[in-house]
Amino acid sequence: MRYCHLDFIYNAVSNYYEIIDYVGKNKLILIPEFYEGLPVKKINLDAFKHDSKKVIILNNQIEMIHPFSSDMNDEIVIYQQESSNVIFDITPSMIIRKGLIKVIEDGVLYYALLSDGTANIIHSDILEFRFESLGRFGEQILIEEKIEEHSIVGIEHYAFMNVINLHAISIPKTVQWIGRKTFYNVEMLDEIFLQDSVKYVGYQAFSYCLNLKRVYLMSDQIELEDQVFENSYRAMLYFASSKRYMEITSDFNPDLLPVALGYEKDIIIDSVVYALLDDKTAVVNGLYTNDFIDLNLPDEVEGYKIVEIAPFAFYQEKLLQSIKMSNNITAINSSAFAESHIKKITLSNALRVIDDALFSGCIYLKSIVIHEGVEIIQEGAFQGCISLSQVKLPSSIVIINTSSFARDYRLKNINFPEGLEEIKPYAFSESNLKDIILPSTLNSIGEMSFGNITKIKKLSFGNDWININEGAFMGSKVMTCQVKEKEIKHFNDWLEKHIFNRINIKK
């Protein structure tokens, strides 16, 4: 006969009960010792297979655990009491941790105390979402090195998984490992510092941490499983060792996050946060100020040459009014100024790429000069800059990428220099361009590249046989199209087929 009590479904077997199903949602599960006066002696692990991301604490009565009938996508972690004699049929979907003395909690965290004098953090109970007075959402946690004289050495699988309101956590020097999916989907976490004691970080441990910007890895022997930072796309990874002790591949870093080797320390000078590297270079990490600021980045700080700006360094920064940077800076990573209130910027002449979403949503930016040497404007670089009216492109530009200037409603004119080869989809969609004079080097115009533009007064093609997507001008009104005399028939056929407006064709 089957019984349901406190999320467990039991099966009665003569003088004991076995657990055959679990209908609760908790990730930390304490198996009861008795049910209706009889001991609970067996567990069927299929009871947990519908969501295998569990940590199970066994009681002393358990004698048998039935294995899974099929492999699980995620592991179940099982803690066995020190005096337990349970018989396991081990499967790849199980992790057994022996020597459990007891589980304790301090109001926020749950710890498993082990017989070897160590302890693991096995669960967090930070569920209440609250607003803090300084304008930040989320909780901050300081983990001590010991709990009841047990050194904290591990943070268990799934321990902080889906805790969306965790903003900051301090990990002590005693911690040696971080499990699988430990901080998975912790949306508010913006920085993590792993001491040199940490030698192992599990699969997807920091995946989908959508606000994670800086990750400091201090051990030169750390092992990172695959996809550790998957979809934590804002982060920059700082390794303390400059030795390439591990190959930086897409296995553990599928989003190819920017990596800096030889991290020494962070410093703050004139309200700017810098990361210093052992090759005497520095990376700009953001602002630390409560006042409006016009920023003039120097060539170097404390003898360290400033060469890079980290991704999202000034993201949504409302206090930054303008910035002028030296020509030492060779890379500005994605979204570094996105959605900030910046009004004016002087870029480094050493840049060769304007990265993804670099100025996306900068609603106060009115003009930009892109200097000679830049070859590519990446996806969404100036998307949604609704005040942007003046853009100067260099003769070195080769590719204008997807949505680069989309929804720039005040952008009326832009020069398209000889040498430009490709304009990708939606590049100038919903802008306000009036005269579009395309160079002879342009080979391709993508879908909706010039779509939904109210009135194009003049459209001129310089290339006889340019590849134009049939929806390149969809939703736009073209008043006059100018082409070479020998190609009027070619363009007339295309225009008649794909631009549904009355237009004038000029030789």
Protein backbone atom coordinates (compact mmCIF):
# COMPACT_ATOMS: atom_id res chain seq x y z
CA MET A 1 0.00 0.00 0.00
CA ARG A 2 1.20 3.52 -0.82
CA TYR A 3 1.06 6.59 1.42
CA CYS A 4 1.86 10.27 0.86
CA HIS A 5 3.26 12.45 3.64
CA LEU A 6 5.34 15.66 3.56
CA ASP A 7 6.21 15.39 -0.15
CA PHE A 8 7.24 11.72 0.08
CA ILE A 9 5.31 8.76 -1.27
CA TYR A 10 5.94 5.58 0.73
CA ASN A 11 5.45 1.93 0.01
CA ALA A 12 4.73 -0.33 2.99
CA VAL A 13 6.93 -3.44 3.17
CA SER A 14 6.20 -5.72 6.18
CA ASN A 15 8.04 -3.96 9.05
CA TYR A 16 9.48 -0.92 7.26
CA TYR A 17 8.78 1.67 4.56
CA GLU A 18 10.56 2.57 1.35
CA ILE A 19 10.41 5.90 -0.49
CA ILE A 20 9.22 5.42 -4.06
CA ASP A 21 8.52 9.01 -5.09
CA TYR A 22 9.16 12.61 -4.14
CA VAL A 23 6.66 15.34 -5.13
CA GLY A 24 8.29 18.34 -3.42
CA LYS A 25 10.41 21.09 -4.94
CA ASN A 26 13.24 21.37 -2.42
CA LYS A 27 16.83 20.83 -3.56
CA LEU A 28 18.01 19.79 -0.09
CA ILE A 29 16.16 16.69 1.09
CA LEU A 30 16.48 15.18 4.56
CA ILE A 31 15.25 11.59 4.56
CA PRO A 32 13.11 10.94 7.68
CA GLU A 33 14.06 8.10 9.99
CA PHE A 34 10.51 6.89 10.67
CA TYR A 35 7.06 6.99 9.16
CA GLU A 36 4.07 6.01 11.31
CA GLY A 37 6.38 4.39 13.84
CA LEU A 38 8.24 2.19 11.35
CA PRO A 39 11.76 2.84 10.02
CA VAL A 40 12.39 4.16 6.51
CA LYS A 41 14.97 1.71 5.17
CA LYS A 42 14.99 1.95 1.39
CA ILE A 43 15.00 4.63 -1.30
CA ASN A 44 14.18 4.28 -4.95
CA LEU A 45 16.27 6.93 -6.71
CA ASP A 46 13.79 7.08 -9.57
CA ALA A 47 11.73 9.05 -7.08
CA PHE A 48 13.99 12.03 -7.83
CA LYS A 49 14.68 11.59 -11.53
CA HIS A 50 12.13 14.19 -12.72
CA ASP A 51 14.50 16.80 -11.24
CA SER A 52 17.78 15.17 -10.34
CA LYS A 53 19.44 18.38 -9.09
CA LYS A 54 19.20 17.30 -5.45
CA VAL A 55 21.32 16.92 -2.34
CA ILE A 56 19.99 14.06 -0.22
CA ILE A 57 20.85 13.56 3.44
CA LEU A 58 20.39 9.92 4.48
CA ASN A 59 19.25 8.78 7.90
CA ASN A 60 20.90 5.99 9.89
CA GLN A 61 18.07 3.58 9.12
CA ILE A 62 18.65 3.40 5.37
CA GLU A 63 19.92 0.00 4.26
CA MET A 64 19.42 0.02 0.51
CA ILE A 65 19.28 2.53 -2.33
CA HIS A 66 17.88 1.35 -5.63
CA PRO A 67 19.73 2.87 -8.59
CA PHE A 68 18.19 4.85 -11.43
CA SER A 69 16.43 2.94 -14.19
CA SER A 70 18.02 5.32 -16.72
CA ASP A 71 20.82 7.87 -16.81
CA MET A 72 20.10 11.37 -15.52
CA ASN A 73 21.15 14.68 -17.05
CA ASP A 74 22.31 15.90 -13.63
CA GLU A 75 23.79 14.16 -10.65
CA ILE A 76 22.24 13.49 -7.27
CA VAL A 77 24.56 14.10 -4.32
CA ILE A 78 24.04 11.74 -1.38
CA TYR A 79 25.47 12.33 2.09
CA GLN A 80 25.87 9.17 4.15
CA GLN A 81 25.85 9.27 7.95
CA GLU A 82 29.11 8.29 9.57
CA SER A 83 27.57 5.24 11.27
CA SER A 84 25.47 4.19 8.26
CA ASN A 85 25.83 0.76 6.65
CA VAL A 86 23.84 1.53 3.53
CA ILE A 87 24.50 -0.59 0.45
CA PHE A 88 24.88 1.37 -2.79
CA ASP A 89 24.65 0.25 -6.36
CA ILE A 90 26.72 3.15 -7.70
CA THR A 91 25.73 4.76 -11.01
CA PRO A 92 27.31 7.69 -12.90
CA SER A 93 24.38 9.85 -11.79
CA MET A 94 25.25 9.51 -8.10
CA ILE A 95 27.90 11.18 -5.95
CA ILE A 96 28.39 9.65 -2.51
CA ARG A 97 29.92 11.71 0.29
CA LYS A 98 30.66 9.67 3.39
CA GLY A 99 31.36 10.57 6.99
CA LEU A 100 28.46 12.94 7.65
CA ILE A 101 28.18 13.92 11.32
CA LYS A 102 25.27 16.33 11.05
CA VAL A 103 23.63 19.10 9.05
CA ILE A 104 23.34 22.54 10.61
CA GLU A 105 22.00 25.88 9.40
CA ASP A 106 22.73 29.44 10.43
CA GLY A 107 19.57 31.06 9.15
CA VAL A 108 20.86 31.51 5.60
CA LEU A 109 23.19 28.62 4.76
CA TYR A 110 23.11 24.89 5.43
CA TYR A 111 26.35 23.03 6.17
CA ALA A 112 27.27 19.35 6.15
CA LEU A 113 29.82 18.66 8.92
CA LEU A 114 32.08 15.70 8.15
CA SER A 115 34.12 13.36 10.33
CA ASP A 116 37.45 14.53 8.85
CA GLY A 117 36.99 17.99 10.37
CA THR A 118 35.78 19.64 7.16
CA ALA A 119 32.43 21.07 6.14
CA ASN A 120 30.62 21.77 2.87
CA ILE A 121 27.99 24.39 2.16
CA ILE A 122 25.13 22.32 0.79
CA HIS A 123 22.20 24.71 0.43
CA SER A 124 21.16 28.34 0.66
CA ASP A 125 17.85 29.71 1.78
CA ILE A 126 17.99 33.25 0.36
CA LEU A 127 14.60 33.51 -1.23
CA GLU A 128 13.15 36.85 -0.16
CA PHE A 129 13.65 39.59 -2.76
CA ARG A 130 14.09 43.04 -1.22
CA PHE A 131 15.15 46.55 -2.20
CA GLU A 132 18.19 48.08 -0.54
CA SER A 133 18.51 51.80 0.14
CA LEU A 134 21.64 52.33 -1.96
CA GLY A 135 19.80 51.42 -5.15
CA ARG A 136 20.99 47.83 -5.42
CA PHE A 137 18.84 44.78 -5.37
CA GLY A 138 20.06 41.69 -3.61
CA GLU A 139 21.78 40.13 -0.65
CA GLN A 140 25.46 40.03 0.28
CA ILE A 141 26.93 36.98 2.02
CA LEU A 142 30.19 36.63 3.91
CA ILE A 143 31.23 33.00 4.32
CA GLU A 144 33.40 32.30 7.34
CA GLU A 145 36.37 29.93 7.18
CA LYS A 146 34.97 27.62 9.86
CA ILE A 147 31.68 26.42 11.22
CA GLU A 148 31.75 24.68 14.63
CA GLU A 149 35.53 24.23 14.23
CA HIS A 150 35.10 22.49 10.86
CA SER A 151 36.97 24.13 7.98
CA ILE A 152 34.68 24.95 5.06
CA VAL A 153 36.33 23.34 2.03
CA GLY A 154 33.55 22.94 -0.55
CA ILE A 155 30.45 24.56 -1.97
CA GLU A 156 28.17 21.76 -3.07
CA HIS A 157 26.41 21.15 -6.39
CA TYR A 158 23.36 23.39 -6.83
CA ALA A 159 23.94 25.13 -3.47
CA PHE A 160 23.03 28.62 -4.78
CA MET A 161 21.30 27.59 -7.98
CA ASN A 162 18.48 29.97 -9.06
CA VAL A 163 19.02 32.31 -6.09
CA ILE A 164 18.26 35.39 -8.14
CA ASN A 165 18.73 37.93 -5.33
CA LEU A 166 22.35 37.12 -4.40
CA HIS A 167 24.38 40.22 -5.28
CA ALA A 168 27.77 39.50 -3.69
CA ILE A 169 29.47 36.60 -1.93
CA SER A 170 32.86 36.41 -0.19
CA ILE A 171 34.47 32.98 -0.55
CA PRO A 172 37.11 32.20 2.13
CA LYS A 173 40.63 30.89 1.58
CA THR A 174 39.69 27.47 2.96
CA VAL A 175 37.38 26.58 0.03
CA GLN A 176 38.99 24.08 -2.34
CA TRP A 177 36.17 23.20 -4.74
CA ILE A 178 32.93 24.51 -6.20
CA GLY A 179 30.46 21.97 -7.55
CA ARG A 180 28.34 21.64 -10.66
CA LYS A 181 25.78 24.38 -11.29
CA THR A 182 26.57 25.84 -7.87
CA PHE A 183 25.80 29.43 -8.92
CA TYR A 184 23.74 28.59 -12.01
CA ASN A 185 21.27 31.35 -12.90
CA VAL A 186 22.29 33.63 -10.01
CA GLU A 187 21.23 36.70 -11.97
CA MET A 188 22.35 39.44 -9.56
CA LEU A 189 25.89 38.19 -8.89
CA ASP A 190 28.25 40.74 -10.44
CA GLU A 191 31.73 39.66 -9.27
CA ILE A 192 33.39 36.51 -7.98
CA PHE A 193 36.87 36.16 -6.46
CA LEU A 194 38.18 32.59 -6.23
CA GLN A 195 41.15 32.34 -3.87
CA ASP A 196 44.22 30.31 -4.83
CA SER A 197 42.90 27.51 -2.61
CA VAL A 198 40.16 26.76 -5.20
CA LYS A 199 41.45 23.94 -7.40
CA TYR A 200 38.23 22.76 -9.05
CA VAL A 201 35.12 24.43 -10.49
CA GLY A 202 32.35 22.18 -11.78
CA TYR A 203 30.26 22.06 -14.93
CA GLN A 204 28.19 25.23 -15.51
CA ALA A 205 29.07 26.47 -12.02
CA PHE A 206 28.64 30.13 -13.06
CA SER A 207 26.44 29.71 -16.12
CA TYR A 208 23.59 32.13 -16.80
CA CYS A 209 24.90 34.66 -14.29
CA LEU A 210 23.60 37.45 -16.47
CA ASN A 211 25.10 40.32 -14.45
CA LEU A 212 28.50 38.72 -13.75
CA LYS A 213 31.17 41.17 -14.96
CA ARG A 214 34.45 40.16 -13.31
CA VAL A 215 35.79 36.72 -12.42
CA TYR A 216 39.13 36.43 -10.61
CA LEU A 217 40.80 33.00 -10.64
CA MET A 218 43.91 33.04 -8.46
CA SER A 219 45.17 29.43 -8.63
CA ASP A 220 47.58 28.35 -11.37
CA GLN A 221 46.39 24.75 -10.93
CA ILE A 222 42.65 25.30 -11.16
CA GLU A 223 40.61 22.77 -13.14
CA LEU A 224 37.58 24.19 -14.94
CA GLU A 225 34.96 21.82 -16.28
CA ASP A 226 33.11 22.51 -19.52
CA GLN A 227 30.77 25.48 -19.89
CA VAL A 228 31.63 26.97 -16.51
CA PHE A 229 30.66 30.47 -17.69
CA GLU A 230 28.15 29.59 -20.40
CA ASN A 231 25.83 32.53 -21.15
CA SER A 232 27.44 34.70 -18.48
CA TYR A 233 28.24 36.86 -21.45
CA ARG A 234 29.14 40.08 -19.60
CA ALA A 235 32.12 38.64 -17.74
CA MET A 236 35.84 39.13 -18.13
CA LEU A 237 38.08 36.37 -16.77
CA TYR A 238 41.20 37.35 -14.84
CA PHE A 239 43.73 34.56 -14.24
CA ALA A 240 46.47 35.25 -11.70
CA SER A 241 48.98 33.07 -13.50
CA SER A 242 50.41 34.32 -16.77
CA LYS A 243 51.39 30.76 -17.64
CA ARG A 244 49.08 29.19 -20.19
CA TYR A 245 48.69 26.17 -17.94
CA MET A 246 45.43 25.42 -19.66
CA GLU A 247 44.22 26.01 -23.18
CA ILE A 248 41.61 28.76 -23.35
CA THR A 249 38.99 26.94 -25.41
CA SER A 250 35.28 27.08 -25.99
CA ASP A 251 34.83 23.94 -23.86
CA PHE A 252 34.79 25.81 -20.56
CA ASN A 253 34.30 29.23 -22.16
CA PRO A 254 31.69 28.69 -24.90
CA ASP A 255 30.92 32.41 -25.19
CA LEU A 256 34.65 33.13 -25.67
CA LEU A 257 34.71 35.67 -22.88
CA PRO A 258 37.74 37.98 -22.88
CA VAL A 259 40.64 36.61 -20.83
CA ALA A 260 43.44 38.49 -19.05
CA LEU A 261 46.45 36.58 -17.73
CA GLY A 262 48.72 37.64 -14.91
CA TYR A 263 46.23 39.46 -12.70
CA GLU A 264 47.88 41.16 -9.71
CA LYS A 265 45.34 43.46 -8.08
CA ASP A 266 42.67 46.14 -8.54
CA ILE A 267 43.32 49.79 -7.84
CA ILE A 268 41.16 52.93 -7.89
CA ILE A 269 42.70 56.15 -9.21
CA ASP A 270 40.70 59.30 -9.91
CA SER A 271 37.41 57.39 -9.58
CA VAL A 272 38.42 54.72 -12.16
CA VAL A 273 38.85 51.04 -11.27
CA TYR A 274 41.80 49.33 -12.96
CA ALA A 275 42.95 45.70 -13.00
CA LEU A 276 46.77 45.51 -13.04
CA LEU A 277 48.50 42.65 -14.87
CA ASP A 278 52.03 41.32 -14.43
CA ASP A 279 53.09 42.38 -17.93
CA LYS A 280 52.77 45.98 -16.72
CA THR A 281 49.49 46.60 -18.52
CA ALA A 282 46.13 47.64 -17.06
CA VAL A 283 42.48 47.02 -17.88
CA VAL A 284 39.78 49.61 -17.16
CA ASN A 285 37.03 47.95 -15.10
CA GLY A 286 34.63 50.84 -14.42
CA LEU A 287 33.87 53.85 -12.25
CA TYR A 288 33.76 54.28 -8.49
CA THR A 289 32.19 57.68 -7.94
CA ASN A 290 29.04 59.47 -6.80
CA ASP A 291 29.59 62.58 -8.94
CA PHE A 292 29.23 63.44 -12.62
CA ILE A 293 32.54 63.02 -14.35
CA ASP A 294 34.31 63.95 -17.58
CA LEU A 295 36.94 61.25 -17.83
CA ASN A 296 40.36 61.63 -19.38
CA LEU A 297 42.09 58.25 -19.33
CA PRO A 298 45.88 58.62 -19.02
CA ASP A 299 48.47 56.58 -20.90
CA GLU A 300 49.34 54.66 -17.74
CA VAL A 301 48.68 54.29 -14.03
CA GLU A 302 51.47 53.55 -11.53
CA GLY A 303 53.70 52.46 -14.40
CA TYR A 304 51.09 50.15 -15.96
CA LYS A 305 50.10 50.97 -19.55
CA ILE A 306 46.31 51.16 -20.02
CA VAL A 307 45.57 48.89 -23.00
CA GLU A 308 42.01 47.62 -22.67
CA ILE A 309 38.50 48.43 -21.42
CA ALA A 310 36.59 45.48 -19.96
CA PRO A 311 33.15 44.41 -21.24
CA PHE A 312 30.26 46.30 -19.61
CA ALA A 313 32.80 48.49 -17.76
CA PHE A 314 30.56 51.58 -17.95
CA TYR A 315 27.27 49.80 -18.67
CA GLN A 316 24.27 51.91 -17.61
CA GLU A 317 26.68 54.40 -16.03
CA LYS A 318 24.63 57.57 -15.50
CA LEU A 319 27.47 59.71 -14.12
CA LEU A 320 29.90 59.44 -17.04
CA GLN A 321 29.47 62.52 -19.23
CA SER A 322 32.41 62.20 -21.60
CA ILE A 323 35.58 60.19 -22.07
CA LYS A 324 38.84 60.77 -23.84
CA MET A 325 41.23 57.86 -24.12
CA SER A 326 44.86 57.48 -25.07
CA ASN A 327 46.05 55.69 -28.18
CA ASN A 328 47.51 52.87 -26.07
CA ILE A 329 44.06 51.26 -25.83
CA THR A 330 43.85 48.49 -28.43
CA ALA A 331 40.58 46.85 -27.34
CA ILE A 332 37.25 48.04 -25.98
CA ASN A 333 35.13 44.99 -25.22
CA SER A 334 31.44 44.51 -25.92
CA SER A 335 28.84 46.81 -24.34
CA ALA A 336 31.51 48.77 -22.47
CA PHE A 337 29.44 51.99 -22.74
CA ALA A 338 26.02 50.49 -23.51
CA GLU A 339 23.02 52.33 -22.07
CA SER A 340 25.26 54.87 -20.37
CA HIS A 341 24.57 58.63 -20.35
CA ILE A 342 27.77 59.47 -22.16
CA LYS A 343 27.52 62.50 -24.47
CA LYS A 344 30.97 62.74 -26.02
CA ILE A 345 33.80 60.30 -26.66
CA THR A 346 37.24 60.38 -28.26
CA LEU A 347 38.28 56.87 -29.28
CA SER A 348 41.78 55.44 -29.33
CA ASN A 349 43.44 55.48 -32.76
CA ALA A 350 44.75 51.97 -32.07
CA LEU A 351 41.30 50.36 -32.34
CA ARG A 352 40.60 48.15 -35.32
CA VAL A 353 37.13 46.92 -34.33
CA ILE A 354 34.11 48.66 -32.80
CA ASP A 355 32.81 45.78 -30.69
CA ASP A 356 29.28 44.39 -30.24
CA ALA A 357 26.76 46.79 -28.67
CA LEU A 358 29.60 49.09 -27.64
CA PHE A 359 27.39 52.20 -27.50
CA SER A 360 24.01 50.52 -27.78
CA GLY A 361 21.26 52.56 -26.14
CA CYS A 362 23.45 55.63 -25.45
CA ILE A 363 20.54 58.03 -25.82
CA TYR A 364 22.58 61.22 -25.22
CA LEU A 365 25.39 60.50 -27.70
CA LYS A 366 25.07 63.01 -30.57
CA SER A 367 28.12 62.45 -32.75
CA ILE A 368 30.96 59.99 -33.27
CA VAL A 369 34.12 60.06 -35.36
CA ILE A 370 35.46 56.61 -36.16
CA HIS A 371 39.13 57.03 -36.97
CA GLU A 372 41.22 55.51 -39.73
CA GLY A 373 42.24 51.92 -39.10
CA VAL A 374 38.86 50.61 -37.94
CA GLU A 375 37.75 47.88 -40.34
CA ILE A 376 34.64 46.42 -38.71
CA ILE A 377 31.68 47.85 -36.85
CA GLN A 378 30.18 44.92 -34.97
CA GLU A 379 26.59 43.99 -34.31
CA GLY A 380 24.43 46.62 -32.61
CA ALA A 381 27.41 48.91 -31.94
CA PHE A 382 25.31 52.11 -32.10
CA GLN A 383 21.84 50.62 -32.04
CA GLY A 384 19.20 52.76 -30.35
CA CYS A 385 21.37 55.90 -30.08
CA ILE A 386 18.32 58.09 -30.61
CA SER A 387 20.24 61.40 -30.46
CA LEU A 388 23.02 60.34 -32.82
CA SER A 389 22.95 62.64 -35.85
CA GLN A 390 26.58 62.82 -37.01
CA VAL A 391 28.76 59.82 -37.87
CA LYS A 392 32.02 59.89 -39.78
CA LEU A 393 33.24 56.58 -41.18
CA PRO A 394 36.93 56.01 -42.08
CA SER A 395 38.15 54.88 -45.48
CA SER A 396 39.44 51.70 -43.77
CA ILE A 397 35.94 50.44 -42.98
CA VAL A 398 35.13 47.09 -44.66
CA ILE A 399 32.04 45.72 -42.86
CA ILE A 400 29.10 47.41 -41.18
CA ASN A 401 27.48 44.66 -39.16
CA THR A 402 23.93 43.71 -38.24
CA SER A 403 21.84 46.47 -36.61
CA SER A 404 24.93 48.67 -36.16
CA PHE A 405 22.94 51.90 -36.53
CA ALA A 406 19.38 50.56 -36.26
CA ARG A 407 16.79 52.82 -34.65
CA ASP A 408 19.06 55.87 -34.77
CA TYR A 409 16.11 58.10 -35.57
CA ARG A 410 18.08 61.36 -35.98
CA LEU A 411 20.77 59.98 -38.25
CA LYS A 412 20.12 61.74 -41.58
CA ASN A 413 23.42 61.52 -43.45
CA ILE A 414 26.44 59.26 -43.38
CA ASN A 415 29.41 58.87 -45.71
CA PHE A 416 29.93 55.44 -47.26
CA PRO A 417 33.63 55.43 -48.24
CA GLU A 418 35.27 53.52 -51.06
CA GLY A 419 36.56 50.26 -49.59
CA LEU A 420 33.30 49.36 -47.85
CA GLU A 421 32.39 45.83 -48.95
CA GLU A 422 29.36 44.69 -46.95
CA ILE A 423 26.37 46.17 -45.13
CA LYS A 424 24.68 43.46 -43.09
CA PRO A 425 20.98 43.03 -42.20
CA TYR A 426 19.15 45.84 -40.38
CA ALA A 427 22.32 47.97 -40.28
CA PHE A 428 20.45 51.28 -40.79
CA SER A 429 16.89 50.07 -40.26
CA GLU A 430 14.56 52.76 -38.84
CA SER A 431 17.16 55.49 -39.19
CA ASN A 432 16.37 58.78 -40.96
CA LEU A 433 18.88 58.67 -43.81
CA LYS A 434 18.10 61.06 -46.68
CA ASP A 435 20.93 60.54 -49.16
CA ILE A 436 22.40 57.06 -49.54
CA ILE A 437 25.42 57.16 -51.87
CA LEU A 438 26.88 53.66 -52.02
CA PRO A 439 30.49 53.09 -53.16
CA SER A 440 31.69 50.97 -56.07
CA THR A 441 33.38 48.52 -53.67
CA LEU A 442 30.12 47.54 -51.96
CA ASN A 443 29.27 43.94 -52.84
CA SER A 444 26.37 43.09 -50.54
CA ILE A 445 23.38 44.71 -48.84
CA GLY A 446 21.52 42.54 -46.33
CA GLU A 447 17.87 42.15 -45.41
CA MET A 448 16.27 45.35 -44.09
CA SER A 449 19.65 47.11 -44.14
CA PHE A 450 17.81 50.30 -45.12
CA GLY A 451 14.33 49.17 -44.12
CA ASN A 452 11.56 51.30 -42.61
CA ILE A 453 13.16 54.64 -43.48
CA THR A 454 10.48 57.30 -43.96
CA LYS A 455 11.88 59.06 -47.04
CA ILE A 456 15.10 58.38 -48.93
CA LYS A 457 15.53 61.38 -51.19
CA LYS A 458 18.45 59.99 -53.15
CA LEU A 459 19.70 56.42 -53.58
CA SER A 460 22.84 55.93 -55.66
CA PHE A 461 24.57 52.65 -56.50
CA GLY A 462 28.26 52.63 -57.43
CA ASN A 463 28.59 48.89 -58.16
CA ASP A 464 27.14 47.49 -61.39
CA TRP A 465 26.24 44.08 -59.98
CA ILE A 466 25.80 44.50 -56.24
CA ASN A 467 24.05 41.66 -54.37
CA ILE A 468 20.97 43.25 -52.85
CA ASN A 469 18.65 41.29 -50.58
CA GLU A 470 15.07 41.53 -51.82
CA GLY A 471 13.99 43.06 -48.50
CA ALA A 472 16.90 45.49 -48.19
CA PHE A 473 14.66 48.58 -48.53
CA MET A 474 11.43 47.03 -47.28
CA GLY A 475 9.10 49.64 -45.80
CA SER A 476 11.20 52.59 -47.05
CA LYS A 477 10.12 55.27 -49.53
CA VAL A 478 12.74 55.97 -52.18
CA MET A 479 12.20 59.19 -54.15
CA THR A 480 15.08 59.02 -56.61
CA CYS A 481 17.44 56.21 -57.60
CA GLN A 482 20.61 56.96 -59.56
CA VAL A 483 22.49 54.24 -61.43
CA LYS A 484 24.90 54.00 -64.34
CA GLU A 485 23.31 54.18 -67.78
CA LYS A 486 24.39 50.69 -68.87
CA GLU A 487 22.81 49.12 -65.82
CA ILE A 488 19.46 50.91 -65.82
CA LYS A 489 17.67 47.76 -66.99
CA HIS A 490 19.28 45.64 -64.25
CA PHE A 491 18.37 48.04 -61.46
CA ASN A 492 15.02 48.95 -62.95
CA ASP A 493 13.99 45.29 -62.84
CA TRP A 494 15.18 44.95 -59.26
CA LEU A 495 13.56 48.18 -58.10
CA GLU A 496 10.31 47.39 -59.84
CA LYS A 497 10.20 44.00 -58.15
CA HIS A 498 11.32 44.92 -54.63
CA ILE A 499 10.63 48.61 -53.94
CA PHE A 500 6.94 49.28 -54.07
CA ASN A 501 7.06 53.06 -54.52
CA ARG A 502 6.84 55.45 -57.42
CA ILE A 503 10.46 56.48 -58.02
CA ASN A 504 12.53 58.39 -60.54
CA ILE A 505 15.40 56.56 -62.23
CA LYS A 506 18.27 58.83 -63.21
CA LYS A 507 21.28 58.07 -65.39
